[in-house]
């Protein structure tokens, strides 16, 4: 199998299988001493960064939902 055929086969694989191939190639290159491992320890997140991520994840997919309330629904009422 030549490089062109290898690339074509790789492009036709599903994304999860491509990721496996890339991981395996990185493993072989690291094991042979060709490259050092590029993986680094994850950096620490600030509370603000984590809060933003949490909010984005909580609201994910809601941007296409229809609004089902009016301005009157958000007014505070005192009795």
PDB file of N, CA and C in Angstrom:
ATOM      1  N   UNK A   1       0.856  -1.168   0.000  1.00  0.00           N
ATOM      2  CA  UNK A   1       0.000   0.000   0.000  1.00  0.00           C
ATOM      3  C   UNK A   1       0.901   1.231   0.000  1.00  0.00           C
ATOM      4  N   UNK A   2       0.685   2.108  -0.968  1.00  0.00           N
ATOM      5  CA  UNK A   2       1.449   3.346  -1.059  1.00  0.00           C
ATOM      6  C   UNK A   2       0.832   4.434  -0.188  1.00  0.00           C
ATOM      7  N   UNK A   3       1.550   5.558  -0.103  1.00  0.00           N
ATOM      8  CA  UNK A   3       1.067   6.665   0.720  1.00  0.00           C
ATOM      9  C   UNK A   3      -0.286   7.187   0.252  1.00  0.00           C
ATOM     10  N   UNK A   4      -0.473   7.320  -1.049  1.00  0.00           N
ATOM     11  CA  UNK A   4      -1.732   7.843  -1.578  1.00  0.00           C
ATOM     12  C   UNK A   4      -2.888   6.927  -1.203  1.00  0.00           C
ATOM     13  N   UNK A   5      -2.675   5.624  -1.334  1.00  0.00           N
ATOM     14  CA  UNK A   5      -3.723   4.658  -0.998  1.00  0.00           C
ATOM     15  C   UNK A   5      -3.990   4.659   0.516  1.00  0.00           C
ATOM     16  N   UNK A   6      -2.941   4.805   1.293  1.00  0.00           N
ATOM     17  CA  UNK A   6      -3.085   4.878   2.742  1.00  0.00           C
ATOM     18  C   UNK A   6      -3.919   6.097   3.138  1.00  0.00           C
ATOM     19  N   UNK A   7      -3.609   7.246   2.541  1.00  0.00           N
ATOM     20  CA  UNK A   7      -4.349   8.477   2.844  1.00  0.00           C
ATOM     21  C   UNK A   7      -5.812   8.335   2.438  1.00  0.00           C
ATOM     22  N   UNK A   8      -6.065   7.772   1.281  1.00  0.00           N
ATOM     23  CA  UNK A   8      -7.441   7.595   0.811  1.00  0.00           C
ATOM     24  C   UNK A   8      -8.214   6.668   1.748  1.00  0.00           C
ATOM     25  N   UNK A   9      -7.584   5.574   2.161  1.00  0.00           N
ATOM     26  CA  UNK A   9      -8.228   4.645   3.087  1.00  0.00           C
ATOM     27  C   UNK A   9      -8.519   5.336   4.413  1.00  0.00           C
ATOM     28  N   UNK A  10      -7.561   6.101   4.894  1.00  0.00           N
ATOM     29  CA  UNK A  10      -7.730   6.829   6.149  1.00  0.00           C
ATOM     30  C   UNK A  10      -8.885   7.827   6.059  1.00  0.00           C
ATOM     31  N   UNK A  11      -8.982   8.525   4.944  1.00  0.00           N
ATOM     32  CA  UNK A  11     -10.059   9.510   4.772  1.00  0.00           C
ATOM     33  C   UNK A  11     -11.435   8.849   4.733  1.00  0.00           C
ATOM     34  N   UNK A  12     -11.500   7.600   4.324  1.00  0.00           N
ATOM     35  CA  UNK A  12     -12.780   6.900   4.231  1.00  0.00           C
ATOM     36  C   UNK A  12     -13.204   6.245   5.539  1.00  0.00           C
ATOM     37  N   UNK A  13     -12.318   6.240   6.532  1.00  0.00           N
ATOM     38  CA  UNK A  13     -12.664   5.657   7.826  1.00  0.00           C
ATOM     39  C   UNK A  13     -13.578   6.593   8.604  1.00  0.00           C
ATOM     40  N   UNK A  14     -14.403   6.036   9.489  1.00  0.00           N
ATOM     41  CA  UNK A  14     -15.199   6.892  10.377  1.00  0.00           C
ATOM     42  C   UNK A  14     -14.272   7.674  11.314  1.00  0.00           C
ATOM     43  N   UNK A  15     -14.754   8.782  11.828  1.00  0.00           N
ATOM     44  CA  UNK A  15     -13.936   9.672  12.655  1.00  0.00           C
ATOM     45  C   UNK A  15     -13.317   8.953  13.846  1.00  0.00           C
ATOM     46  N   UNK A  16     -14.083   8.087  14.517  1.00  0.00           N
ATOM     47  CA  UNK A  16     -13.537   7.410  15.696  1.00  0.00           C
ATOM     48  C   UNK A  16     -12.398   6.464  15.333  1.00  0.00           C
ATOM     49  N   UNK A  17     -12.471   5.839  14.162  1.00  0.00           N
ATOM     50  CA  UNK A  17     -11.394   4.943  13.723  1.00  0.00           C
ATOM     51  C   UNK A  17     -10.167   5.741  13.300  1.00  0.00           C
ATOM     52  N   UNK A  18     -10.384   6.925  12.701  1.00  0.00           N
ATOM     53  CA  UNK A  18      -9.249   7.787  12.358  1.00  0.00           C
ATOM     54  C   UNK A  18      -8.501   8.212  13.614  1.00  0.00           C
ATOM     55  N   UNK A  19      -9.251   8.515  14.659  1.00  0.00           N
ATOM     56  CA  UNK A  19      -8.629   8.912  15.919  1.00  0.00           C
ATOM     57  C   UNK A  19      -7.779   7.777  16.479  1.00  0.00           C
ATOM     58  N   UNK A  20      -8.267   6.531  16.340  1.00  0.00           N
ATOM     59  CA  UNK A  20      -7.491   5.376  16.792  1.00  0.00           C
ATOM     60  C   UNK A  20      -6.190   5.253  16.007  1.00  0.00           C
ATOM     61  N   UNK A  21      -6.270   5.461  14.697  1.00  0.00           N
ATOM     62  CA  UNK A  21      -5.073   5.383  13.854  1.00  0.00           C
ATOM     63  C   UNK A  21      -4.065   6.445  14.278  1.00  0.00           C
ATOM     64  N   UNK A  22      -4.513   7.672  14.480  1.00  0.00           N
ATOM     65  CA  UNK A  22      -3.607   8.755  14.886  1.00  0.00           C
ATOM     66  C   UNK A  22      -2.964   8.456  16.236  1.00  0.00           C
ATOM     67  N   UNK A  23      -3.756   7.938  17.170  1.00  0.00           N
ATOM     68  CA  UNK A  23      -3.205   7.574  18.476  1.00  0.00           C
ATOM     69  C   UNK A  23      -2.147   6.490  18.344  1.00  0.00           C
ATOM     70  N   UNK A  24      -2.414   5.492  17.489  1.00  0.00           N
ATOM     71  CA  UNK A  24      -1.468   4.397  17.298  1.00  0.00           C
ATOM     72  C   UNK A  24      -0.177   4.888  16.645  1.00  0.00           C
ATOM     73  N   UNK A  25      -0.299   5.755  15.658  1.00  0.00           N
ATOM     74  CA  UNK A  25       0.889   6.306  15.004  1.00  0.00           C
ATOM     75  C   UNK A  25       1.706   7.120  15.998  1.00  0.00           C
ATOM     76  N   UNK A  26       1.045   7.908  16.827  1.00  0.00           N
ATOM     77  CA  UNK A  26       1.750   8.683  17.846  1.00  0.00           C
ATOM     78  C   UNK A  26       2.456   7.752  18.833  1.00  0.00           C
ATOM     79  N   UNK A  27       1.783   6.663  19.207  1.00  0.00           N
ATOM     80  CA  UNK A  27       2.380   5.679  20.104  1.00  0.00           C
ATOM     81  C   UNK A  27       3.639   5.071  19.480  1.00  0.00           C
ATOM     82  N   UNK A  28       3.547   4.649  18.216  1.00  0.00           N
ATOM     83  CA  UNK A  28       4.706   4.048  17.545  1.00  0.00           C
ATOM     84  C   UNK A  28       5.860   5.034  17.413  1.00  0.00           C
ATOM     85  N   UNK A  29       5.550   6.278  17.071  1.00  0.00           N
ATOM     86  CA  UNK A  29       6.597   7.287  16.912  1.00  0.00           C
ATOM     87  C   UNK A  29       7.268   7.584  18.249  1.00  0.00           C
ATOM     88  N   UNK A  30       6.489   7.642  19.313  1.00  0.00           N
ATOM     89  CA  UNK A  30       7.054   7.895  20.638  1.00  0.00           C
ATOM     90  C   UNK A  30       7.906   6.707  21.078  1.00  0.00           C
ATOM     91  N   UNK A  31       7.395   5.506  20.854  1.00  0.00           N
ATOM     92  CA  UNK A  31       8.108   4.284  21.240  1.00  0.00           C
ATOM     93  C   UNK A  31       9.437   4.164  20.504  1.00  0.00           C
ATOM     94  N   UNK A  32       9.473   4.575  19.228  1.00  0.00           N
ATOM     95  CA  UNK A  32      10.701   4.479  18.451  1.00  0.00           C
ATOM     96  C   UNK A  32      11.649   5.638  18.698  1.00  0.00           C
ATOM     97  N   UNK A  33      11.207   6.628  19.450  1.00  0.00           N
ATOM     98  CA  UNK A  33      12.065   7.764  19.742  1.00  0.00           C
ATOM     99  C   UNK A  33      12.094   8.807  18.644  1.00  0.00           C
ATOM    100  N   UNK A  34      11.201   8.697  17.677  1.00  0.00           N
ATOM    101  CA  UNK A  34      11.139   9.666  16.578  1.00  0.00           C
ATOM    102  C   UNK A  34      10.637  11.008  17.086  1.00  0.00           C
ATOM    103  N   UNK A  35       9.611  10.967  17.909  1.00  0.00           N
ATOM    104  CA  UNK A  35       9.062  12.194  18.510  1.00  0.00           C
ATOM    105  C   UNK A  35       8.827  11.935  19.981  1.00  0.00           C
ATOM    106  N   UNK A  36       8.839  13.003  20.735  1.00  0.00           N
ATOM    107  CA  UNK A  36       8.479  12.865  22.143  1.00  0.00           C
ATOM    108  C   UNK A  36       6.973  13.016  22.259  1.00  0.00           C
ATOM    109  N   UNK A  37       6.442  12.504  23.315  1.00  0.00           N
ATOM    110  CA  UNK A  37       5.000  12.573  23.510  1.00  0.00           C
ATOM    111  C   UNK A  37       4.557  14.031  23.591  1.00  0.00           C
ATOM    112  N   UNK A  38       3.541  14.388  22.825  1.00  0.00           N
ATOM    113  CA  UNK A  38       3.041  15.762  22.790  1.00  0.00           C
ATOM    114  C   UNK A  38       1.991  16.002  23.868  1.00  0.00           C
ATOM    115  N   UNK A  39       1.549  14.947  24.483  1.00  0.00           N
ATOM    116  CA  UNK A  39       0.503  15.103  25.491  1.00  0.00           C
ATOM    117  C   UNK A  39       1.081  15.743  26.735  1.00  0.00           C
ATOM    118  N   UNK A  40       0.388  16.730  27.206  1.00  0.00           N
ATOM    119  CA  UNK A  40       0.820  17.448  28.389  1.00  0.00           C
ATOM    120  C   UNK A  40      -0.249  17.310  29.454  1.00  0.00           C
ATOM    121  N   UNK A  41       0.157  17.570  30.666  1.00  0.00           N
ATOM    122  CA  UNK A  41      -0.811  17.555  31.762  1.00  0.00           C
ATOM    123  C   UNK A  41      -1.836  18.651  31.515  1.00  0.00           C
ATOM    124  N   UNK A  42      -3.091  18.371  31.786  1.00  0.00           N
ATOM    125  CA  UNK A  42      -4.101  19.419  31.601  1.00  0.00           C
ATOM    126  C   UNK A  42      -3.839  20.584  32.541  1.00  0.00           C
ATOM    127  N   UNK A  43      -4.086  21.766  32.042  1.00  0.00           N
ATOM    128  CA  UNK A  43      -3.866  22.943  32.878  1.00  0.00           C
ATOM    129  C   UNK A  43      -5.049  23.143  33.809  1.00  0.00           C
ATOM    130  N   UNK A  44      -4.776  23.796  34.908  1.00  0.00           N
ATOM    131  CA  UNK A  44      -5.833  24.073  35.878  1.00  0.00           C
ATOM    132  C   UNK A  44      -6.737  25.180  35.342  1.00  0.00           C
ATOM    133  N   UNK A  45      -8.028  25.027  35.554  1.00  0.00           N
ATOM    134  CA  UNK A  45      -8.999  26.016  35.107  1.00  0.00           C
ATOM    135  C   UNK A  45      -9.315  26.958  36.257  1.00  0.00           C
ATOM    136  N   UNK A  46      -9.565  28.206  35.912  1.00  0.00           N
ATOM    137  CA  UNK A  46     -10.038  29.132  36.933  1.00  0.00           C
ATOM    138  C   UNK A  46     -11.521  28.855  37.175  1.00  0.00           C
ATOM    139  N   UNK A  47     -12.038  29.359  38.275  1.00  0.00           N
ATOM    140  CA  UNK A  47     -13.462  29.165  38.560  1.00  0.00           C
ATOM    141  C   UNK A  47     -14.324  29.781  37.461  1.00  0.00           C
ATOM    142  N   UNK A  48     -13.895  30.942  36.944  1.00  0.00           N
ATOM    143  CA  UNK A  48     -14.653  31.611  35.886  1.00  0.00           C
ATOM    144  C   UNK A  48     -14.677  30.805  34.601  1.00  0.00           C
ATOM    145  N   UNK A  49     -13.532  30.224  34.216  1.00  0.00           N
ATOM    146  CA  UNK A  49     -13.471  29.399  33.002  1.00  0.00           C
ATOM    147  C   UNK A  49     -14.354  28.166  33.140  1.00  0.00           C
ATOM    148  N   UNK A  50     -14.311  27.556  34.322  1.00  0.00           N
ATOM    149  CA  UNK A  50     -15.136  26.378  34.546  1.00  0.00           C
ATOM    150  C   UNK A  50     -16.618  26.735  34.517  1.00  0.00           C
ATOM    151  N   UNK A  51     -16.975  27.873  35.097  1.00  0.00           N
ATOM    152  CA  UNK A  51     -18.372  28.314  35.099  1.00  0.00           C
ATOM    153  C   UNK A  51     -18.869  28.561  33.679  1.00  0.00           C
ATOM    154  N   UNK A  52     -18.014  29.165  32.839  1.00  0.00           N
ATOM    155  CA  UNK A  52     -18.398  29.403  31.442  1.00  0.00           C
ATOM    156  C   UNK A  52     -18.605  28.092  30.705  1.00  0.00           C
ATOM    157  N   UNK A  53     -17.701  27.137  30.906  1.00  0.00           N
ATOM    158  CA  UNK A  53     -17.843  25.836  30.256  1.00  0.00           C
ATOM    159  C   UNK A  53     -19.128  25.153  30.714  1.00  0.00           C
ATOM    160  N   UNK A  54     -19.384  25.185  32.013  1.00  0.00           N
ATOM    161  CA  UNK A  54     -20.579  24.547  32.546  1.00  0.00           C
ATOM    162  C   UNK A  54     -21.849  25.167  31.956  1.00  0.00           C
ATOM    163  N   UNK A  55     -21.862  26.492  31.827  1.00  0.00           N
ATOM    164  CA  UNK A  55     -23.036  27.165  31.269  1.00  0.00           C
ATOM    165  C   UNK A  55     -23.219  26.813  29.791  1.00  0.00           C
ATOM    166  N   UNK A  56     -22.110  26.802  29.034  1.00  0.00           N
ATOM    167  CA  UNK A  56     -22.208  26.424  27.613  1.00  0.00           C
ATOM    168  C   UNK A  56     -22.744  25.004  27.463  1.00  0.00           C
ATOM    169  N   UNK A  57     -22.276  24.089  28.306  1.00  0.00           N
ATOM    170  CA  UNK A  57     -22.737  22.705  28.223  1.00  0.00           C
ATOM    171  C   UNK A  57     -24.208  22.595  28.637  1.00  0.00           C
ATOM    172  N   UNK A  58     -24.612  23.343  29.652  1.00  0.00           N
ATOM    173  CA  UNK A  58     -25.994  23.292  30.115  1.00  0.00           C
ATOM    174  C   UNK A  58     -26.953  23.820  29.056  1.00  0.00           C
ATOM    175  N   UNK A  59     -26.528  24.822  28.296  1.00  0.00           N
ATOM    176  CA  UNK A  59     -27.400  25.453  27.300  1.00  0.00           C
ATOM    177  C   UNK A  59     -27.226  24.875  25.902  1.00  0.00           C
ATOM    178  N   UNK A  60     -26.331  23.909  25.762  1.00  0.00           N
ATOM    179  CA  UNK A  60     -26.036  23.319  24.454  1.00  0.00           C
ATOM    180  C   UNK A  60     -27.311  22.772  23.810  1.00  0.00           C
ATOM    181  N   UNK A  61     -27.552  23.157  22.565  1.00  0.00           N
ATOM    182  CA  UNK A  61     -28.695  22.672  21.809  1.00  0.00           C
ATOM    183  C   UNK A  61     -29.974  23.453  22.023  1.00  0.00           C
ATOM    184  N   UNK A  62     -29.971  24.405  22.939  1.00  0.00           N
ATOM    185  CA  UNK A  62     -31.188  25.149  23.230  1.00  0.00           C
ATOM    186  C   UNK A  62     -31.387  26.354  22.311  1.00  0.00           C
ATOM    187  N   UNK A  63     -30.359  26.706  21.531  1.00  0.00           N
ATOM    188  CA  UNK A  63     -30.470  27.909  20.710  1.00  0.00           C
ATOM    189  C   UNK A  63     -31.553  27.806  19.635  1.00  0.00           C
ATOM    190  N   UNK A  64     -31.963  26.599  19.266  1.00  0.00           N
ATOM    191  CA  UNK A  64     -32.985  26.432  18.238  1.00  0.00           C
ATOM    192  C   UNK A  64     -34.388  26.249  18.810  1.00  0.00           C
ATOM    193  N   UNK A  65     -34.495  26.207  20.138  1.00  0.00           N
ATOM    194  CA  UNK A  65     -35.798  26.012  20.757  1.00  0.00           C
ATOM    195  C   UNK A  65     -36.614  27.298  20.688  1.00  0.00           C
ATOM    196  N   UNK A  66     -37.907  27.130  20.494  1.00  0.00           N
ATOM    197  CA  UNK A  66     -38.812  28.280  20.420  1.00  0.00           C
ATOM    198  C   UNK A  66     -38.986  28.883  21.814  1.00  0.00           C
ATOM    199  N   UNK A  67     -39.102  30.197  21.861  1.00  0.00           N
ATOM    200  CA  UNK A  67     -39.319  30.885  23.129  1.00  0.00           C
ATOM    201  C   UNK A  67     -40.791  30.725  23.496  1.00  0.00           C
ATOM    202  N   UNK A  68     -41.046  30.249  24.712  1.00  0.00           N
ATOM    203  CA  UNK A  68     -42.433  29.980  25.098  1.00  0.00           C
ATOM    204  C   UNK A  68     -42.892  30.884  26.241  1.00  0.00           C
ATOM    205  N   UNK A  69     -42.260  32.035  26.401  1.00  0.00           N
ATOM    206  CA  UNK A  69     -42.664  32.968  27.445  1.00  0.00           C
ATOM    207  C   UNK A  69     -42.632  34.382  26.885  1.00  0.00           C
ATOM    208  N   UNK A  70     -43.325  35.277  27.590  1.00  0.00           N
ATOM    209  CA  UNK A  70     -43.396  36.676  27.160  1.00  0.00           C
ATOM    210  C   UNK A  70     -42.731  37.550  28.206  1.00  0.00           C
ATOM    211  N   UNK A  71     -42.643  38.839  27.915  1.00  0.00           N
ATOM    212  CA  UNK A  71     -42.060  39.796  28.856  1.00  0.00           C
ATOM    213  C   UNK A  71     -42.855  39.818  30.163  1.00  0.00           C
ATOM    214  N   UNK A  72     -44.166  39.608  30.080  1.00  0.00           N
ATOM    215  CA  UNK A  72     -45.001  39.593  31.285  1.00  0.00           C
ATOM    216  C   UNK A  72     -44.638  38.444  32.217  1.00  0.00           C
ATOM    217  N   UNK A  73     -44.119  37.357  31.665  1.00  0.00           N
ATOM    218  CA  UNK A  73     -43.747  36.200  32.484  1.00  0.00           C
ATOM    219  C   UNK A  73     -42.561  36.471  33.386  1.00  0.00           C
ATOM    220  N   UNK A  74     -41.739  37.443  33.045  1.00  0.00           N
ATOM    221  CA  UNK A  74     -40.544  37.675  33.840  1.00  0.00           C
ATOM    222  C   UNK A  74     -40.677  38.855  34.796  1.00  0.00           C
ATOM    223  N   UNK A  75     -41.787  39.524  34.778  1.00  0.00           N
ATOM    224  CA  UNK A  75     -41.994  40.640  35.701  1.00  0.00           C
ATOM    225  C   UNK A  75     -42.243  40.090  37.106  1.00  0.00           C
ATOM    226  N   UNK A  76     -41.609  40.729  38.072  1.00  0.00           N
ATOM    227  CA  UNK A  76     -41.803  40.326  39.460  1.00  0.00           C
ATOM    228  C   UNK A  76     -43.106  40.923  39.950  1.00  0.00           C
ATOM    229  N   UNK A  77     -43.876  40.099  40.616  1.00  0.00           N
ATOM    230  CA  UNK A  77     -45.166  40.557  41.123  1.00  0.00           C
ATOM    231  C   UNK A  77     -45.136  40.537  42.647  1.00  0.00           C
ATOM    232  N   UNK A  78     -45.542  41.649  43.230  1.00  0.00           N
ATOM    233  CA  UNK A  78     -45.605  41.757  44.690  1.00  0.00           C
ATOM    234  C   UNK A  78     -47.057  41.703  45.109  1.00  0.00           C
ATOM    235  N   UNK A  79     -47.296  40.980  46.141  1.00  0.00           N
ATOM    236  CA  UNK A  79     -48.686  40.854  46.593  1.00  0.00           C
ATOM    237  C   UNK A  79     -48.878  41.539  47.903  1.00  0.00           C
TER     238      UNK A  79
END
